[in-house]
Amino acid sequence: MRTKIRSVAVRKLPERISGAQRQELYKALEGCIVVDRPAVVLDCSEVRELDRSAIHLLLCCLEEAMKRNGDVRLACLSLEVKAALKAAEVSTLFHSFADISDAVESFHKPQLDFIQLQNPVLGDEKSEMNAA
């Protein structure tokens, strides 16, 4: 049995994303987001500041990817960009990575962080799921 490796699109964001550029940039990113199970890494190494318009763009990309059972991940964030995401209270919505290779590799690893056991089995005790 072969496992299909998911292709990951890596796109570099410009240093500045102004309101006027936002629509143009979204159109450029749309091709890799509007597919089945999109896997997108946005290289933020050149981004120096994020205003509300730029954060809105990131959220739109994430929303469209999630509608298609995919994700958008951020790589190479500067301290200023991290601070802007945190100030806008959206930093927890994105997986972020120190470098591009880690972000790309994260799409090839199983994501188990959404699984949470409400009543884990401890010793001889049974959880509610296992109780008959």
N, C-alpha and C. Protein backbone atom coordinates (compact mmCIF):
# COMPACT_ATOMS: atom_id res chain seq x y z
N MET A 1 0.84 -1.18 0.00
CA MET A 1 0.00 0.00 0.00
C MET A 1 0.89 1.25 0.00
N ARG A 2 0.59 2.17 -0.87
CA ARG A 2 1.35 3.42 -0.93
C ARG A 2 0.55 4.53 -0.27
N THR A 3 1.29 5.39 0.39
CA THR A 3 0.67 6.56 0.98
C THR A 3 1.01 7.76 0.12
N LYS A 4 0.00 8.48 -0.28
CA LYS A 4 0.23 9.66 -1.10
C LYS A 4 0.76 10.79 -0.22
N ILE A 5 1.88 11.36 -0.65
CA ILE A 5 2.44 12.49 0.09
C ILE A 5 1.76 13.75 -0.40
N ARG A 6 1.29 14.52 0.52
CA ARG A 6 0.57 15.75 0.23
C ARG A 6 1.54 16.80 -0.30
N SER A 7 1.17 17.47 -1.37
CA SER A 7 2.02 18.54 -1.86
C SER A 7 1.74 19.80 -1.03
N VAL A 8 2.79 20.53 -0.76
CA VAL A 8 2.70 21.73 0.06
C VAL A 8 3.13 22.92 -0.79
N ALA A 9 2.29 23.93 -0.85
CA ALA A 9 2.62 25.16 -1.58
C ALA A 9 3.30 26.12 -0.62
N VAL A 10 4.45 26.65 -1.02
CA VAL A 10 5.17 27.64 -0.22
C VAL A 10 5.13 28.96 -0.99
N ARG A 11 4.65 30.00 -0.34
CA ARG A 11 4.57 31.31 -0.97
C ARG A 11 5.21 32.35 -0.05
N LYS A 12 5.99 33.22 -0.66
CA LYS A 12 6.68 34.28 0.09
C LYS A 12 5.81 35.53 0.10
N LEU A 13 5.60 36.07 1.29
CA LEU A 13 4.84 37.31 1.41
C LEU A 13 5.77 38.50 1.27
N PRO A 14 5.27 39.61 0.71
CA PRO A 14 6.10 40.81 0.57
C PRO A 14 6.35 41.48 1.92
N GLU A 15 7.29 42.41 1.92
CA GLU A 15 7.65 43.13 3.15
C GLU A 15 6.45 43.85 3.76
N ARG A 16 5.64 44.41 2.91
CA ARG A 16 4.49 45.17 3.36
C ARG A 16 3.25 44.74 2.60
N ILE A 17 2.15 44.61 3.30
CA ILE A 17 0.88 44.25 2.65
C ILE A 17 -0.09 45.38 2.94
N SER A 18 -0.21 46.28 2.02
CA SER A 18 -1.13 47.41 2.21
C SER A 18 -2.53 47.00 1.78
N GLY A 19 -3.49 47.84 2.13
CA GLY A 19 -4.88 47.56 1.76
C GLY A 19 -5.05 47.38 0.27
N ALA A 20 -4.36 48.19 -0.52
CA ALA A 20 -4.47 48.12 -1.98
C ALA A 20 -3.87 46.82 -2.51
N GLN A 21 -2.81 46.36 -1.90
CA GLN A 21 -2.14 45.13 -2.36
C GLN A 21 -2.88 43.88 -1.93
N ARG A 22 -3.70 44.00 -0.90
CA ARG A 22 -4.32 42.82 -0.32
C ARG A 22 -5.10 42.00 -1.34
N GLN A 23 -5.92 42.65 -2.12
CA GLN A 23 -6.73 41.94 -3.12
C GLN A 23 -5.85 41.24 -4.15
N GLU A 24 -4.83 41.93 -4.61
CA GLU A 24 -3.90 41.36 -5.59
C GLU A 24 -3.16 40.16 -5.02
N LEU A 25 -2.71 40.28 -3.78
CA LEU A 25 -2.00 39.19 -3.13
C LEU A 25 -2.91 37.98 -2.90
N TYR A 26 -4.16 38.25 -2.50
CA TYR A 26 -5.10 37.15 -2.29
C TYR A 26 -5.33 36.39 -3.60
N LYS A 27 -5.48 37.11 -4.69
CA LYS A 27 -5.67 36.45 -5.99
C LYS A 27 -4.47 35.57 -6.33
N ALA A 28 -3.27 36.03 -5.99
CA ALA A 28 -2.06 35.24 -6.24
C ALA A 28 -2.02 33.98 -5.37
N LEU A 29 -2.55 34.08 -4.16
CA LEU A 29 -2.55 32.93 -3.24
C LEU A 29 -3.73 31.99 -3.48
N GLU A 30 -4.77 32.52 -4.10
CA GLU A 30 -6.01 31.77 -4.29
C GLU A 30 -5.80 30.43 -5.00
N GLY A 31 -4.91 30.41 -5.97
CA GLY A 31 -4.68 29.18 -6.73
C GLY A 31 -4.23 28.00 -5.89
N CYS A 32 -3.47 28.27 -4.84
CA CYS A 32 -3.00 27.16 -4.00
C CYS A 32 -3.92 26.92 -2.81
N ILE A 33 -4.90 27.80 -2.59
CA ILE A 33 -5.82 27.64 -1.46
C ILE A 33 -7.14 27.01 -1.89
N VAL A 34 -7.61 27.33 -3.08
CA VAL A 34 -8.91 26.85 -3.54
C VAL A 34 -8.74 25.51 -4.26
N VAL A 35 -8.22 24.53 -3.53
CA VAL A 35 -8.05 23.16 -4.00
C VAL A 35 -8.52 22.23 -2.89
N ASP A 36 -8.60 20.96 -3.17
CA ASP A 36 -8.98 19.99 -2.15
C ASP A 36 -7.83 19.80 -1.18
N ARG A 37 -8.10 19.94 0.10
CA ARG A 37 -7.13 19.79 1.20
C ARG A 37 -5.85 20.62 0.98
N PRO A 38 -5.99 21.94 0.85
CA PRO A 38 -4.81 22.76 0.62
C PRO A 38 -3.83 22.72 1.79
N ALA A 39 -2.57 22.70 1.46
CA ALA A 39 -1.49 22.74 2.45
C ALA A 39 -0.58 23.89 2.02
N VAL A 40 -0.65 24.99 2.75
CA VAL A 40 0.05 26.20 2.34
C VAL A 40 0.95 26.69 3.47
N VAL A 41 2.18 27.00 3.10
CA VAL A 41 3.12 27.63 4.03
C VAL A 41 3.38 29.03 3.50
N LEU A 42 3.16 30.02 4.35
CA LEU A 42 3.45 31.40 3.98
C LEU A 42 4.78 31.80 4.62
N ASP A 43 5.75 32.09 3.77
CA ASP A 43 7.07 32.52 4.21
C ASP A 43 6.98 34.00 4.57
N CYS A 44 7.11 34.30 5.84
CA CYS A 44 6.98 35.67 6.33
C CYS A 44 8.33 36.31 6.64
N SER A 45 9.39 35.76 6.08
CA SER A 45 10.74 36.24 6.41
C SER A 45 10.98 37.69 6.03
N GLU A 46 10.30 38.19 5.01
CA GLU A 46 10.49 39.58 4.59
C GLU A 46 9.47 40.54 5.21
N VAL A 47 8.42 39.99 5.82
CA VAL A 47 7.36 40.83 6.39
C VAL A 47 7.89 41.52 7.64
N ARG A 48 7.77 42.83 7.68
CA ARG A 48 8.27 43.60 8.83
C ARG A 48 7.15 44.10 9.72
N GLU A 49 5.97 44.29 9.15
CA GLU A 49 4.84 44.72 9.97
C GLU A 49 3.54 44.21 9.36
N LEU A 50 2.59 43.96 10.24
CA LEU A 50 1.27 43.51 9.80
C LEU A 50 0.24 44.50 10.32
N ASP A 51 -0.48 45.13 9.41
CA ASP A 51 -1.58 45.98 9.86
C ASP A 51 -2.87 45.15 9.84
N ARG A 52 -3.97 45.78 10.17
CA ARG A 52 -5.24 45.06 10.23
C ARG A 52 -5.62 44.46 8.89
N SER A 53 -5.30 45.15 7.82
CA SER A 53 -5.60 44.67 6.48
C SER A 53 -4.82 43.39 6.17
N ALA A 54 -3.56 43.36 6.55
CA ALA A 54 -2.73 42.18 6.31
C ALA A 54 -3.18 41.00 7.16
N ILE A 55 -3.55 41.28 8.40
CA ILE A 55 -4.04 40.21 9.28
C ILE A 55 -5.36 39.67 8.73
N HIS A 56 -6.18 40.55 8.21
CA HIS A 56 -7.44 40.11 7.60
C HIS A 56 -7.17 39.19 6.41
N LEU A 57 -6.18 39.52 5.61
CA LEU A 57 -5.78 38.68 4.48
C LEU A 57 -5.39 37.28 4.96
N LEU A 58 -4.56 37.22 6.00
CA LEU A 58 -4.14 35.91 6.53
C LEU A 58 -5.34 35.12 7.02
N LEU A 59 -6.26 35.79 7.69
CA LEU A 59 -7.46 35.11 8.19
C LEU A 59 -8.35 34.61 7.05
N CYS A 60 -8.46 35.39 5.99
CA CYS A 60 -9.24 34.96 4.82
C CYS A 60 -8.62 33.72 4.18
N CYS A 61 -7.31 33.72 4.06
CA CYS A 61 -6.61 32.55 3.50
C CYS A 61 -6.84 31.32 4.37
N LEU A 62 -6.71 31.50 5.68
CA LEU A 62 -6.92 30.38 6.60
C LEU A 62 -8.36 29.87 6.52
N GLU A 63 -9.31 30.78 6.49
CA GLU A 63 -10.72 30.39 6.41
C GLU A 63 -11.01 29.58 5.14
N GLU A 64 -10.52 30.05 4.01
CA GLU A 64 -10.75 29.34 2.75
C GLU A 64 -10.09 27.96 2.76
N ALA A 65 -8.89 27.87 3.31
CA ALA A 65 -8.20 26.58 3.40
C ALA A 65 -8.96 25.63 4.31
N MET A 66 -9.43 26.12 5.43
CA MET A 66 -10.15 25.26 6.38
C MET A 66 -11.48 24.79 5.81
N LYS A 67 -12.12 25.60 4.98
CA LYS A 67 -13.37 25.19 4.33
C LYS A 67 -13.14 23.97 3.45
N ARG A 68 -11.91 23.80 2.99
CA ARG A 68 -11.55 22.71 2.10
C ARG A 68 -10.72 21.64 2.81
N ASN A 69 -10.84 21.61 4.14
CA ASN A 69 -10.15 20.62 4.96
C ASN A 69 -8.62 20.75 4.85
N GLY A 70 -8.14 21.98 4.78
CA GLY A 70 -6.71 22.23 4.68
C GLY A 70 -6.25 23.20 5.75
N ASP A 71 -5.05 23.71 5.57
CA ASP A 71 -4.50 24.62 6.56
C ASP A 71 -3.48 25.57 5.92
N VAL A 72 -3.29 26.70 6.56
CA VAL A 72 -2.26 27.66 6.19
C VAL A 72 -1.36 27.80 7.41
N ARG A 73 -0.07 27.63 7.21
CA ARG A 73 0.89 27.73 8.30
C ARG A 73 1.90 28.82 7.98
N LEU A 74 2.39 29.45 9.02
CA LEU A 74 3.30 30.57 8.87
C LEU A 74 4.72 30.16 9.24
N ALA A 75 5.69 30.70 8.51
CA ALA A 75 7.10 30.39 8.78
C ALA A 75 7.92 31.67 8.81
N CYS A 76 8.98 31.63 9.59
CA CYS A 76 9.98 32.72 9.65
C CYS A 76 9.39 34.04 10.11
N LEU A 77 8.62 34.01 11.19
CA LEU A 77 8.00 35.23 11.69
C LEU A 77 9.00 36.08 12.47
N SER A 78 9.01 37.38 12.20
CA SER A 78 9.84 38.30 12.98
C SER A 78 9.14 38.56 14.32
N LEU A 79 9.86 39.13 15.25
CA LEU A 79 9.27 39.46 16.55
C LEU A 79 8.12 40.46 16.39
N GLU A 80 8.25 41.39 15.44
CA GLU A 80 7.21 42.39 15.20
C GLU A 80 5.92 41.73 14.68
N VAL A 81 6.10 40.78 13.79
CA VAL A 81 4.93 40.08 13.23
C VAL A 81 4.26 39.23 14.30
N LYS A 82 5.06 38.54 15.09
CA LYS A 82 4.49 37.76 16.21
C LYS A 82 3.71 38.65 17.16
N ALA A 83 4.28 39.81 17.45
CA ALA A 83 3.61 40.76 18.36
C ALA A 83 2.30 41.26 17.76
N ALA A 84 2.29 41.54 16.46
CA ALA A 84 1.07 42.02 15.80
C ALA A 84 -0.02 40.95 15.83
N LEU A 85 0.35 39.70 15.57
CA LEU A 85 -0.63 38.61 15.61
C LEU A 85 -1.18 38.43 17.02
N LYS A 86 -0.30 38.54 18.00
CA LYS A 86 -0.73 38.39 19.39
C LYS A 86 -1.63 39.54 19.80
N ALA A 87 -1.27 40.76 19.42
CA ALA A 87 -2.08 41.94 19.76
C ALA A 87 -3.47 41.86 19.14
N ALA A 88 -3.56 41.27 17.95
CA ALA A 88 -4.85 41.11 17.27
C ALA A 88 -5.60 39.89 17.78
N GLU A 89 -4.99 39.17 18.70
CA GLU A 89 -5.57 37.98 19.32
C GLU A 89 -5.89 36.88 18.31
N VAL A 90 -5.00 36.71 17.32
CA VAL A 90 -5.18 35.67 16.32
C VAL A 90 -3.98 34.72 16.25
N SER A 91 -2.99 34.94 17.09
CA SER A 91 -1.77 34.13 17.02
C SER A 91 -2.05 32.65 17.25
N THR A 92 -3.03 32.33 18.07
CA THR A 92 -3.33 30.93 18.35
C THR A 92 -4.07 30.23 17.21
N LEU A 93 -4.54 30.98 16.24
CA LEU A 93 -5.24 30.38 15.10
C LEU A 93 -4.29 29.77 14.08
N PHE A 94 -3.04 30.23 14.11
CA PHE A 94 -2.06 29.78 13.13
C PHE A 94 -0.99 28.91 13.77
N HIS A 95 -0.60 27.86 13.05
CA HIS A 95 0.60 27.12 13.42
C HIS A 95 1.76 27.93 12.85
N SER A 96 2.75 28.24 13.66
CA SER A 96 3.90 28.99 13.14
C SER A 96 5.18 28.23 13.44
N PHE A 97 6.16 28.40 12.56
CA PHE A 97 7.39 27.65 12.62
C PHE A 97 8.58 28.57 12.39
N ALA A 98 9.71 28.18 12.96
CA ALA A 98 10.93 28.99 12.85
C ALA A 98 11.47 29.01 11.43
N ASP A 99 11.30 27.91 10.70
CA ASP A 99 11.79 27.90 9.32
C ASP A 99 10.81 27.16 8.41
N ILE A 100 11.03 27.34 7.13
CA ILE A 100 10.12 26.81 6.12
C ILE A 100 10.10 25.28 6.12
N SER A 101 11.27 24.67 6.26
CA SER A 101 11.32 23.20 6.20
C SER A 101 10.51 22.56 7.33
N ASP A 102 10.55 23.15 8.53
CA ASP A 102 9.73 22.63 9.63
C ASP A 102 8.24 22.78 9.33
N ALA A 103 7.87 23.90 8.74
CA ALA A 103 6.46 24.13 8.40
C ALA A 103 5.98 23.13 7.35
N VAL A 104 6.79 22.91 6.33
CA VAL A 104 6.44 21.94 5.28
C VAL A 104 6.35 20.55 5.88
N GLU A 105 7.33 20.17 6.67
CA GLU A 105 7.36 18.84 7.29
C GLU A 105 6.14 18.61 8.19
N SER A 106 5.64 19.67 8.81
CA SER A 106 4.50 19.52 9.72
C SER A 106 3.25 19.01 9.01
N PHE A 107 3.15 19.24 7.71
CA PHE A 107 2.01 18.72 6.95
C PHE A 107 2.12 17.21 6.72
N HIS A 108 3.31 16.67 6.87
CA HIS A 108 3.52 15.24 6.62
C HIS A 108 3.49 14.41 7.89
N LYS A 109 3.31 15.05 9.03
CA LYS A 109 3.21 14.35 10.31
C LYS A 109 1.76 14.30 10.74
N PRO A 110 1.36 13.21 11.39
CA PRO A 110 -0.03 13.15 11.86
C PRO A 110 -0.26 14.22 12.93
N GLN A 111 -1.41 14.86 12.87
CA GLN A 111 -1.78 15.88 13.84
C GLN A 111 -2.72 15.27 14.86
N LEU A 112 -2.19 14.96 16.02
CA LEU A 112 -3.00 14.33 17.06
C LEU A 112 -3.38 15.29 18.17
N ASP A 113 -3.02 16.56 18.03
CA ASP A 113 -3.28 17.50 19.11
C ASP A 113 -4.76 17.80 19.31
N PHE A 114 -5.62 17.39 18.38
CA PHE A 114 -7.04 17.63 18.54
C PHE A 114 -7.71 16.52 19.35
N ILE A 115 -7.01 15.41 19.55
CA ILE A 115 -7.58 14.30 20.30
C ILE A 115 -7.36 14.56 21.79
N GLN A 116 -8.44 14.56 22.54
CA GLN A 116 -8.33 14.78 23.97
C GLN A 116 -9.20 13.74 24.66
N LEU A 117 -8.59 13.01 25.53
CA LEU A 117 -9.34 12.01 26.28
C LEU A 117 -9.99 12.68 27.47
N GLN A 118 -11.29 12.54 27.58
CA GLN A 118 -11.98 13.15 28.70
C GLN A 118 -11.76 12.35 29.98
N ASN A 119 -11.77 11.06 29.87
CA ASN A 119 -11.57 10.19 31.03
C ASN A 119 -10.52 9.13 30.68
N PRO A 120 -9.25 9.47 30.72
CA PRO A 120 -8.24 8.49 30.35
C PRO A 120 -8.23 7.32 31.33
N VAL A 121 -7.84 6.18 30.82
CA VAL A 121 -7.78 4.98 31.64
C VAL A 121 -6.58 5.09 32.58
N LEU A 122 -6.84 5.00 33.87
CA LEU A 122 -5.77 5.06 34.87
C LEU A 122 -5.75 3.74 35.62
N GLY A 123 -4.67 3.02 35.49
CA GLY A 123 -4.54 1.74 36.18
C GLY A 123 -5.63 0.79 35.76
N ASP A 124 -6.41 0.30 36.73
CA ASP A 124 -7.48 -0.66 36.46
C ASP A 124 -8.83 0.00 36.23
N GLU A 125 -8.87 1.35 36.34
CA GLU A 125 -10.13 2.04 36.14
C GLU A 125 -10.48 2.06 34.66
N LYS A 126 -11.76 2.10 34.36
CA LYS A 126 -12.22 2.15 32.98
C LYS A 126 -12.81 3.54 32.71
N SER A 127 -12.61 4.02 31.51
CA SER A 127 -13.24 5.29 31.14
C SER A 127 -14.69 5.03 30.83
N GLU A 128 -15.46 6.09 30.69
CA GLU A 128 -16.88 5.94 30.38
C GLU A 128 -17.09 5.24 29.05
N MET A 129 -16.16 5.45 28.11
CA MET A 129 -16.29 4.81 26.79
C MET A 129 -16.15 3.29 26.91
N ASN A 130 -15.30 2.83 27.82
CA ASN A 130 -15.04 1.40 27.94
C ASN A 130 -16.00 0.73 28.91
N ALA A 131 -16.73 1.50 29.69
CA ALA A 131 -17.64 0.90 30.67
C ALA A 131 -18.83 0.28 29.95
N ALA A 132 -19.23 -0.86 30.40
CA ALA A 132 -20.36 -1.54 29.74
C ALA A 132 -21.63 -1.31 30.49
